[in-house]
Every structure is written in C-alpha cells, then in structure tokens.
Amino acid sequence: MKDIKNIFRNLEKLLRNANWFDDGWEIYNRGPYLQLYKSSWHNHNQGGVHFETYIEAPQIK
C-alpha cells in the first residue's frame, strides 16, 4: 500500500495551490485525516463547520 500520509500531504499541496484557496480557506492535516474549512466557520479545535476526509486503519489494511 502506498504511504497514506504522503497521499494526504500531496492532497493538501494541491488544495493550497488551487486558485480559490486564498479566499480565507484553511487546512488541518493530521496524517491520513484532513479538514478543509473557512477561517470564519468557527472551526476552533476542529469542532466547527468543515469538510473532512480520512482513511481509518481497517481501510488502510
């Protein structure tokens, strides 16, 4: 299996380089887990409004 953390790092780079990203978007990336949110969405401590994607251990196996 490919390095999942590296896949998520590459996804983060793609998102940050998108032409729409500078419009107040933020990313929280923790390994095979990523949140995309606007700075005004009250996502402090990753508990607010956000888009989220992740891969858990059973799916990695």
C-alpha atoms as a PDB file:
ATOM      1  CA  MET A   1       0.000   0.000   0.000  1.00  0.00           C
ATOM      2  CA  LYS A   2       1.223   3.493  -0.767  1.00  0.00           C
ATOM      3  CA  ASP A   3       2.205   5.845   2.025  1.00  0.00           C
ATOM      4  CA  ILE A   4      -1.200   7.246   3.046  1.00  0.00           C
ATOM      5  CA  LYS A   5       0.289  10.201   4.920  1.00  0.00           C
ATOM      6  CA  ASN A   6       2.167  11.215   1.788  1.00  0.00           C
ATOM      7  CA  ILE A   7      -1.031  10.997  -0.252  1.00  0.00           C
ATOM      8  CA  PHE A   8      -2.728  13.367   2.206  1.00  0.00           C
ATOM      9  CA  ARG A   9       0.293  15.722   2.121  1.00  0.00           C
ATOM     10  CA  ASN A  10       0.029  15.826  -1.665  1.00  0.00           C
ATOM     11  CA  LEU A  11      -3.711  16.477  -1.429  1.00  0.00           C
ATOM     12  CA  GLU A  12      -3.004  19.384   0.923  1.00  0.00           C
ATOM     13  CA  LYS A  13      -0.464  20.824  -1.536  1.00  0.00           C
ATOM     14  CA  LEU A  14      -2.968  20.561  -4.393  1.00  0.00           C
ATOM     15  CA  LEU A  15      -5.640  22.326  -2.349  1.00  0.00           C
ATOM     16  CA  ARG A  16      -3.281  25.094  -1.201  1.00  0.00           C
ATOM     17  CA  ASN A  17      -2.187  25.701  -4.807  1.00  0.00           C
ATOM     18  CA  ALA A  18      -5.766  25.964  -6.119  1.00  0.00           C
ATOM     19  CA  ASN A  19      -6.675  29.461  -7.323  1.00  0.00           C
ATOM     20  CA  TRP A  20      -9.669  29.657  -4.930  1.00  0.00           C
ATOM     21  CA  PHE A  21      -7.714  28.675  -1.789  1.00  0.00           C
ATOM     22  CA  ASP A  22      -6.517  32.174  -0.815  1.00  0.00           C
ATOM     23  CA  ASP A  23     -10.106  33.255  -0.192  1.00  0.00           C
ATOM     24  CA  GLY A  24      -9.978  32.526   3.568  1.00  0.00           C
ATOM     25  CA  TRP A  25      -9.569  28.740   3.399  1.00  0.00           C
ATOM     26  CA  GLU A  26      -7.575  26.769   5.974  1.00  0.00           C
ATOM     27  CA  ILE A  27      -6.413  23.153   6.208  1.00  0.00           C
ATOM     28  CA  TYR A  28      -5.900  20.948   9.246  1.00  0.00           C
ATOM     29  CA  ASN A  29      -3.912  17.872   8.216  1.00  0.00           C
ATOM     30  CA  ARG A  30      -3.009  15.094  10.629  1.00  0.00           C
ATOM     31  CA  GLY A  31      -1.684  12.135   8.686  1.00  0.00           C
ATOM     32  CA  PRO A  32      -4.491  10.192   6.996  1.00  0.00           C
ATOM     33  CA  TYR A  33      -7.000  12.852   8.113  1.00  0.00           C
ATOM     34  CA  LEU A  34      -7.697  16.269   6.617  1.00  0.00           C
ATOM     35  CA  GLN A  35     -10.138  19.089   7.256  1.00  0.00           C
ATOM     36  CA  LEU A  36     -10.837  21.944   4.848  1.00  0.00           C
ATOM     37  CA  TYR A  37     -12.629  24.976   6.272  1.00  0.00           C
ATOM     38  CA  LYS A  38     -13.015  28.730   6.050  1.00  0.00           C
ATOM     39  CA  SER A  39     -11.418  30.825   8.765  1.00  0.00           C
ATOM     40  CA  SER A  40     -14.850  32.296   9.575  1.00  0.00           C
ATOM     41  CA  TRP A  41     -16.534  28.913  10.147  1.00  0.00           C
ATOM     42  CA  HIS A  42     -15.693  28.720  13.879  1.00  0.00           C
ATOM     43  CA  ASN A  43     -13.689  25.518  13.484  1.00  0.00           C
ATOM     44  CA  HIS A  44     -11.545  26.092  16.573  1.00  0.00           C
ATOM     45  CA  ASN A  45     -10.140  22.781  17.866  1.00  0.00           C
ATOM     46  CA  GLN A  46     -11.525  21.138  14.705  1.00  0.00           C
ATOM     47  CA  GLY A  47     -15.060  21.015  16.157  1.00  0.00           C
ATOM     48  CA  GLY A  48     -16.833  23.528  13.920  1.00  0.00           C
ATOM     49  CA  VAL A  49     -18.054  23.515  10.352  1.00  0.00           C
ATOM     50  CA  HIS A  50     -15.641  21.845   7.923  1.00  0.00           C
ATOM     51  CA  PHE A  51     -15.220  19.364   5.089  1.00  0.00           C
ATOM     52  CA  GLU A  52     -13.427  16.265   6.305  1.00  0.00           C
ATOM     53  CA  THR A  53     -11.835  13.207   4.752  1.00  0.00           C
ATOM     54  CA  TYR A  54      -9.872  10.380   6.335  1.00  0.00           C
ATOM     55  CA  ILE A  55      -8.868   6.769   5.965  1.00  0.00           C
ATOM     56  CA  GLU A  56      -9.014   4.542   9.040  1.00  0.00           C
ATOM     57  CA  ALA A  57      -6.793   1.573   9.881  1.00  0.00           C
ATOM     58  CA  PRO A  58      -9.172  -1.169   8.570  1.00  0.00           C
ATOM     59  CA  GLN A  59      -9.352   0.511   5.152  1.00  0.00           C
ATOM     60  CA  ILE A  60      -5.563   1.009   5.051  1.00  0.00           C
ATOM     61  CA  LYS A  61      -5.071  -2.719   5.631  1.00  0.00           C
END
